[in-house]
N, C-alpha and C. Protein backbone atom coordinates (compact mmCIF):
# COMPACT_ATOMS: atom_id res chain seq x y z
N VAL A 1 -17.70 0.95 -0.49
CA VAL A 1 -16.57 0.02 -0.38
C VAL A 1 -15.76 0.37 0.86
N GLN A 2 -15.48 -0.63 1.67
CA GLN A 2 -14.61 -0.41 2.83
C GLN A 2 -13.29 -1.13 2.60
N LEU A 3 -12.21 -0.44 2.96
CA LEU A 3 -10.87 -1.01 2.82
C LEU A 3 -10.28 -1.22 4.20
N GLN A 4 -9.68 -2.37 4.40
CA GLN A 4 -9.07 -2.71 5.68
C GLN A 4 -7.60 -3.03 5.46
N ALA A 5 -6.73 -2.13 5.92
CA ALA A 5 -5.29 -2.35 5.79
C ALA A 5 -4.76 -3.08 7.01
N SER A 6 -3.80 -3.95 6.80
CA SER A 6 -3.20 -4.70 7.90
C SER A 6 -1.78 -5.10 7.53
N GLY A 7 -1.06 -5.62 8.52
CA GLY A 7 0.27 -6.14 8.26
C GLY A 7 1.41 -5.28 8.76
N GLY A 8 1.11 -4.10 9.27
CA GLY A 8 2.16 -3.25 9.79
C GLY A 8 2.76 -3.80 11.07
N GLY A 9 3.85 -3.18 11.49
CA GLY A 9 4.48 -3.62 12.72
C GLY A 9 5.88 -3.04 12.84
N LEU A 10 6.62 -3.57 13.79
CA LEU A 10 7.99 -3.15 14.04
C LEU A 10 8.94 -4.14 13.38
N VAL A 11 9.87 -3.62 12.62
CA VAL A 11 10.84 -4.47 11.93
C VAL A 11 12.20 -3.79 11.96
N GLN A 12 13.24 -4.59 11.98
CA GLN A 12 14.59 -4.05 11.98
C GLN A 12 14.99 -3.60 10.57
N PRO A 13 15.90 -2.66 10.47
CA PRO A 13 16.41 -2.27 9.15
C PRO A 13 16.90 -3.49 8.39
N GLY A 14 16.55 -3.52 7.09
CA GLY A 14 16.89 -4.67 6.26
C GLY A 14 15.85 -5.75 6.26
N GLY A 15 14.87 -5.64 7.13
CA GLY A 15 13.83 -6.65 7.22
C GLY A 15 12.72 -6.47 6.19
N SER A 16 11.72 -7.32 6.29
CA SER A 16 10.60 -7.32 5.34
C SER A 16 9.27 -7.35 6.06
N LEU A 17 8.28 -6.80 5.39
CA LEU A 17 6.89 -6.87 5.83
C LEU A 17 6.01 -6.97 4.60
N ARG A 18 4.84 -7.57 4.77
CA ARG A 18 3.86 -7.56 3.69
C ARG A 18 2.57 -6.96 4.22
N LEU A 19 2.17 -5.88 3.59
CA LEU A 19 0.91 -5.23 3.93
C LEU A 19 -0.21 -5.80 3.06
N SER A 20 -1.40 -5.87 3.63
CA SER A 20 -2.57 -6.32 2.90
C SER A 20 -3.66 -5.26 2.99
N CYS A 21 -4.46 -5.17 1.96
CA CYS A 21 -5.60 -4.25 1.93
C CYS A 21 -6.78 -5.04 1.39
N ALA A 22 -7.71 -5.35 2.27
CA ALA A 22 -8.88 -6.13 1.88
C ALA A 22 -10.07 -5.20 1.63
N ALA A 23 -10.74 -5.41 0.52
CA ALA A 23 -11.91 -4.60 0.16
C ALA A 23 -13.19 -5.38 0.47
N SER A 24 -14.21 -4.63 0.89
CA SER A 24 -15.47 -5.29 1.26
C SER A 24 -16.22 -5.83 0.04
N ARG A 25 -16.03 -5.22 -1.09
CA ARG A 25 -16.70 -5.67 -2.30
C ARG A 25 -16.15 -4.94 -3.51
N GLY A 26 -16.52 -5.44 -4.68
CA GLY A 26 -16.27 -4.72 -5.91
C GLY A 26 -14.82 -4.49 -6.27
N PHE A 27 -13.95 -5.34 -5.80
CA PHE A 27 -12.52 -5.13 -6.05
C PHE A 27 -12.21 -5.10 -7.53
N SER A 28 -12.79 -6.00 -8.27
CA SER A 28 -12.48 -6.11 -9.70
C SER A 28 -12.96 -4.90 -10.48
N SER A 29 -13.86 -4.11 -9.89
CA SER A 29 -14.37 -2.93 -10.58
C SER A 29 -13.50 -1.70 -10.35
N MET A 30 -12.48 -1.85 -9.54
CA MET A 30 -11.61 -0.73 -9.26
C MET A 30 -10.61 -0.52 -10.38
N TYR A 31 -10.49 0.71 -10.80
CA TYR A 31 -9.57 1.03 -11.89
C TYR A 31 -8.12 1.08 -11.41
N ARG A 32 -7.93 1.69 -10.25
CA ARG A 32 -6.57 1.90 -9.76
C ARG A 32 -6.55 1.70 -8.26
N MET A 33 -5.53 1.04 -7.80
CA MET A 33 -5.35 0.87 -6.37
C MET A 33 -3.92 1.22 -6.02
N GLY A 34 -3.74 1.74 -4.82
CA GLY A 34 -2.41 2.16 -4.46
C GLY A 34 -2.16 2.19 -2.96
N TRP A 35 -0.91 2.29 -2.64
CA TRP A 35 -0.46 2.47 -1.26
C TRP A 35 0.17 3.84 -1.12
N TYR A 36 -0.20 4.51 -0.07
CA TYR A 36 0.37 5.80 0.29
C TYR A 36 0.95 5.69 1.69
N ARG A 37 1.80 6.63 2.03
CA ARG A 37 2.32 6.64 3.40
C ARG A 37 2.48 8.08 3.88
N GLN A 38 2.41 8.20 5.18
CA GLN A 38 2.57 9.51 5.80
C GLN A 38 3.44 9.36 7.03
N ALA A 39 4.61 9.97 6.97
CA ALA A 39 5.52 9.99 8.10
C ALA A 39 5.20 11.19 8.99
N PRO A 40 5.59 11.14 10.26
CA PRO A 40 5.30 12.26 11.16
C PRO A 40 5.84 13.57 10.62
N GLY A 41 5.00 14.57 10.57
CA GLY A 41 5.42 15.88 10.11
C GLY A 41 5.56 16.04 8.61
N LYS A 42 5.18 15.01 7.86
CA LYS A 42 5.32 15.07 6.41
C LYS A 42 3.97 14.86 5.74
N GLN A 43 3.93 15.23 4.48
CA GLN A 43 2.71 15.05 3.72
C GLN A 43 2.57 13.58 3.28
N ARG A 44 1.33 13.20 3.05
CA ARG A 44 1.09 11.86 2.54
C ARG A 44 1.64 11.76 1.12
N GLU A 45 2.30 10.64 0.83
CA GLU A 45 2.91 10.48 -0.48
C GLU A 45 2.54 9.13 -1.08
N LEU A 46 2.53 9.09 -2.39
CA LEU A 46 2.27 7.84 -3.10
C LEU A 46 3.49 6.94 -3.02
N VAL A 47 3.27 5.70 -2.67
CA VAL A 47 4.34 4.72 -2.60
C VAL A 47 4.33 3.84 -3.85
N ALA A 48 3.17 3.29 -4.17
CA ALA A 48 3.05 2.40 -5.32
C ALA A 48 1.59 2.33 -5.73
N GLN A 49 1.36 2.11 -7.00
CA GLN A 49 0.00 1.92 -7.47
C GLN A 49 -0.03 0.89 -8.58
N ILE A 50 -1.21 0.29 -8.74
CA ILE A 50 -1.40 -0.72 -9.76
C ILE A 50 -2.71 -0.43 -10.47
N ILE A 51 -2.66 -0.49 -11.79
CA ILE A 51 -3.81 -0.20 -12.62
C ILE A 51 -4.51 -1.52 -12.97
N SER A 52 -5.75 -1.45 -13.38
CA SER A 52 -6.54 -2.66 -13.62
C SER A 52 -5.89 -3.60 -14.61
N GLY A 53 -5.18 -3.07 -15.60
CA GLY A 53 -4.52 -3.92 -16.58
C GLY A 53 -3.27 -4.58 -16.05
N GLY A 54 -2.83 -4.16 -14.86
CA GLY A 54 -1.67 -4.77 -14.24
C GLY A 54 -0.42 -3.91 -14.22
N SER A 55 -0.44 -2.78 -14.90
CA SER A 55 0.75 -1.93 -14.89
C SER A 55 0.93 -1.32 -13.51
N THR A 56 2.18 -1.10 -13.15
CA THR A 56 2.51 -0.61 -11.82
C THR A 56 3.39 0.64 -11.89
N HIS A 57 3.36 1.38 -10.80
CA HIS A 57 4.18 2.58 -10.69
C HIS A 57 4.68 2.65 -9.26
N TYR A 58 5.97 3.02 -9.10
CA TYR A 58 6.56 3.11 -7.78
C TYR A 58 7.24 4.46 -7.57
N ALA A 59 7.23 4.90 -6.35
CA ALA A 59 8.03 6.07 -6.00
C ALA A 59 9.50 5.68 -6.13
N ASP A 60 10.32 6.64 -6.50
CA ASP A 60 11.75 6.36 -6.69
C ASP A 60 12.37 5.79 -5.42
N SER A 61 11.90 6.23 -4.28
CA SER A 61 12.51 5.83 -3.02
C SER A 61 12.28 4.35 -2.68
N VAL A 62 11.32 3.71 -3.34
CA VAL A 62 11.04 2.30 -3.01
C VAL A 62 11.26 1.36 -4.19
N LYS A 63 11.63 1.89 -5.33
CA LYS A 63 11.85 1.04 -6.50
C LYS A 63 12.91 -0.02 -6.21
N GLY A 64 12.60 -1.23 -6.62
CA GLY A 64 13.53 -2.33 -6.40
C GLY A 64 13.42 -2.97 -5.03
N ARG A 65 12.66 -2.34 -4.13
CA ARG A 65 12.51 -2.89 -2.77
C ARG A 65 11.06 -3.29 -2.48
N PHE A 66 10.12 -2.56 -3.01
CA PHE A 66 8.70 -2.81 -2.76
C PHE A 66 8.04 -3.38 -4.02
N THR A 67 7.05 -4.23 -3.80
CA THR A 67 6.28 -4.80 -4.91
C THR A 67 4.80 -4.75 -4.57
N ILE A 68 4.03 -4.15 -5.45
CA ILE A 68 2.59 -4.08 -5.28
C ILE A 68 1.92 -5.15 -6.14
N SER A 69 0.86 -5.74 -5.62
CA SER A 69 0.13 -6.75 -6.37
C SER A 69 -1.33 -6.75 -5.91
N ARG A 70 -2.19 -7.35 -6.70
CA ARG A 70 -3.60 -7.44 -6.33
C ARG A 70 -4.13 -8.80 -6.72
N ASP A 71 -5.04 -9.30 -5.92
CA ASP A 71 -5.70 -10.57 -6.17
C ASP A 71 -7.19 -10.29 -6.22
N ASN A 72 -7.72 -10.16 -7.43
CA ASN A 72 -9.13 -9.80 -7.58
C ASN A 72 -10.05 -10.85 -6.99
N ALA A 73 -9.66 -12.10 -7.04
CA ALA A 73 -10.51 -13.17 -6.51
C ALA A 73 -10.66 -13.05 -4.99
N LYS A 74 -9.65 -12.53 -4.35
CA LYS A 74 -9.68 -12.38 -2.89
C LYS A 74 -10.01 -10.96 -2.46
N ASN A 75 -10.24 -10.09 -3.45
CA ASN A 75 -10.51 -8.68 -3.11
C ASN A 75 -9.42 -8.08 -2.23
N THR A 76 -8.19 -8.40 -2.53
CA THR A 76 -7.09 -7.98 -1.68
C THR A 76 -5.92 -7.46 -2.51
N MET A 77 -5.31 -6.41 -2.00
CA MET A 77 -4.11 -5.85 -2.59
C MET A 77 -2.98 -6.02 -1.58
N TYR A 78 -1.76 -6.16 -2.07
CA TYR A 78 -0.62 -6.38 -1.21
C TYR A 78 0.50 -5.38 -1.50
N LEU A 79 1.33 -5.17 -0.52
CA LEU A 79 2.57 -4.44 -0.71
C LEU A 79 3.66 -5.22 0.00
N GLN A 80 4.51 -5.87 -0.78
CA GLN A 80 5.65 -6.58 -0.23
C GLN A 80 6.79 -5.58 -0.09
N MET A 81 7.28 -5.43 1.12
CA MET A 81 8.32 -4.45 1.40
C MET A 81 9.56 -5.18 1.88
N ASN A 82 10.63 -5.07 1.11
CA ASN A 82 11.90 -5.70 1.46
C ASN A 82 12.96 -4.64 1.69
N SER A 83 14.05 -5.03 2.31
CA SER A 83 15.17 -4.13 2.57
C SER A 83 14.70 -2.83 3.19
N LEU A 84 13.89 -2.95 4.21
CA LEU A 84 13.29 -1.77 4.82
C LEU A 84 14.34 -0.88 5.47
N LYS A 85 14.09 0.41 5.41
CA LYS A 85 14.98 1.41 5.96
C LYS A 85 14.23 2.23 7.01
N PRO A 86 14.96 2.85 7.92
CA PRO A 86 14.28 3.69 8.92
C PRO A 86 13.40 4.76 8.29
N GLU A 87 13.80 5.27 7.14
CA GLU A 87 13.00 6.31 6.48
C GLU A 87 11.71 5.77 5.87
N ASP A 88 11.51 4.47 5.90
CA ASP A 88 10.23 3.90 5.47
C ASP A 88 9.19 3.93 6.59
N THR A 89 9.61 4.33 7.77
CA THR A 89 8.68 4.42 8.90
C THR A 89 7.58 5.42 8.61
N ALA A 90 6.34 4.96 8.71
CA ALA A 90 5.19 5.80 8.39
C ALA A 90 3.91 5.01 8.64
N VAL A 91 2.81 5.72 8.58
CA VAL A 91 1.51 5.06 8.51
C VAL A 91 1.20 4.83 7.04
N TYR A 92 0.90 3.61 6.70
CA TYR A 92 0.63 3.24 5.32
C TYR A 92 -0.88 3.11 5.11
N TYR A 93 -1.35 3.73 4.05
CA TYR A 93 -2.77 3.73 3.72
C TYR A 93 -2.98 3.10 2.35
N CYS A 94 -4.06 2.38 2.20
CA CYS A 94 -4.42 1.90 0.88
C CYS A 94 -5.58 2.74 0.34
N LYS A 95 -5.61 2.86 -0.95
CA LYS A 95 -6.61 3.67 -1.63
C LYS A 95 -7.05 2.95 -2.89
N SER A 96 -8.32 3.03 -3.17
CA SER A 96 -8.82 2.49 -4.43
C SER A 96 -9.64 3.56 -5.14
N SER A 97 -9.60 3.51 -6.45
CA SER A 97 -10.31 4.49 -7.28
C SER A 97 -11.13 3.76 -8.32
N THR A 98 -12.40 4.16 -8.44
CA THR A 98 -13.26 3.55 -9.44
C THR A 98 -13.01 4.17 -10.80
N TYR A 99 -13.57 3.55 -11.83
CA TYR A 99 -13.47 4.10 -13.18
C TYR A 99 -14.16 5.46 -13.25
N GLY A 100 -15.10 5.68 -12.37
CA GLY A 100 -15.81 6.95 -12.35
C GLY A 100 -15.11 8.03 -11.55
N GLY A 101 -13.96 7.69 -10.96
CA GLY A 101 -13.19 8.69 -10.25
C GLY A 101 -13.47 8.81 -8.77
N ARG A 102 -14.25 7.88 -8.22
CA ARG A 102 -14.52 7.92 -6.78
C ARG A 102 -13.39 7.21 -6.04
N ASP A 103 -12.95 7.81 -4.94
CA ASP A 103 -11.85 7.28 -4.16
C ASP A 103 -12.32 6.71 -2.82
N TYR A 104 -11.67 5.65 -2.40
CA TYR A 104 -11.91 5.06 -1.10
C TYR A 104 -10.56 4.87 -0.40
N TRP A 105 -10.54 5.15 0.91
CA TRP A 105 -9.30 5.02 1.68
C TRP A 105 -9.48 4.00 2.80
N GLY A 106 -8.40 3.28 3.08
CA GLY A 106 -8.36 2.42 4.25
C GLY A 106 -7.93 3.22 5.47
N GLN A 107 -7.91 2.59 6.61
CA GLN A 107 -7.68 3.32 7.86
C GLN A 107 -6.21 3.50 8.20
N GLY A 108 -5.32 2.83 7.52
CA GLY A 108 -3.89 2.98 7.80
C GLY A 108 -3.34 1.91 8.71
N THR A 109 -2.09 1.56 8.47
CA THR A 109 -1.40 0.59 9.33
C THR A 109 0.03 1.12 9.52
N LEU A 110 0.51 1.07 10.76
CA LEU A 110 1.78 1.67 11.12
C LEU A 110 2.94 0.72 10.86
N VAL A 111 3.92 1.22 10.15
CA VAL A 111 5.16 0.49 9.92
C VAL A 111 6.29 1.25 10.59
N THR A 112 7.01 0.58 11.47
CA THR A 112 8.12 1.19 12.16
C THR A 112 9.37 0.37 11.88
N VAL A 113 10.38 1.04 11.31
CA VAL A 113 11.64 0.39 10.99
C VAL A 113 12.70 0.93 11.94
N SER A 114 13.13 0.09 12.85
CA SER A 114 14.06 0.56 13.88
C SER A 114 14.79 -0.62 14.49
N SER A 115 16.01 -0.36 14.89
CA SER A 115 16.78 -1.39 15.58
C SER A 115 16.62 -1.28 17.09
C-alpha cells in the first residue's frame, strides 16, 4: 500500500488547511489511520487517528480545531485544520495500520503557519 499525503502549504495564523492522504489500494481493510507531525528538532507525534468503526482520537493540542475523517470509497483520509497556530508548523505524515499490525507511512507534507 502506498500513501500519498498532500494539501500542505503556507497559511497565516487563524487560517485553515485540509490535508489529504490517498491510498493506492485496500483502504477499507485498514484498521486504523492517523496523522502525525514532526516539527524541527522535535519527535514525531500523533495528531489524530480514526479507527475502522469511526471512533476518533485527538492530541490535546489540536482538540476542537482539527477534524479527521476517512472516505473508504475514495481510499482517502482527511485532516481539516482550523484556527491554525504557529506551533502547528511541522511536516505532517499519514499512517495506516492493518488488522494484522502492519504499518504504512506517507511521505509527508509541510504545513507552515506564519504571518
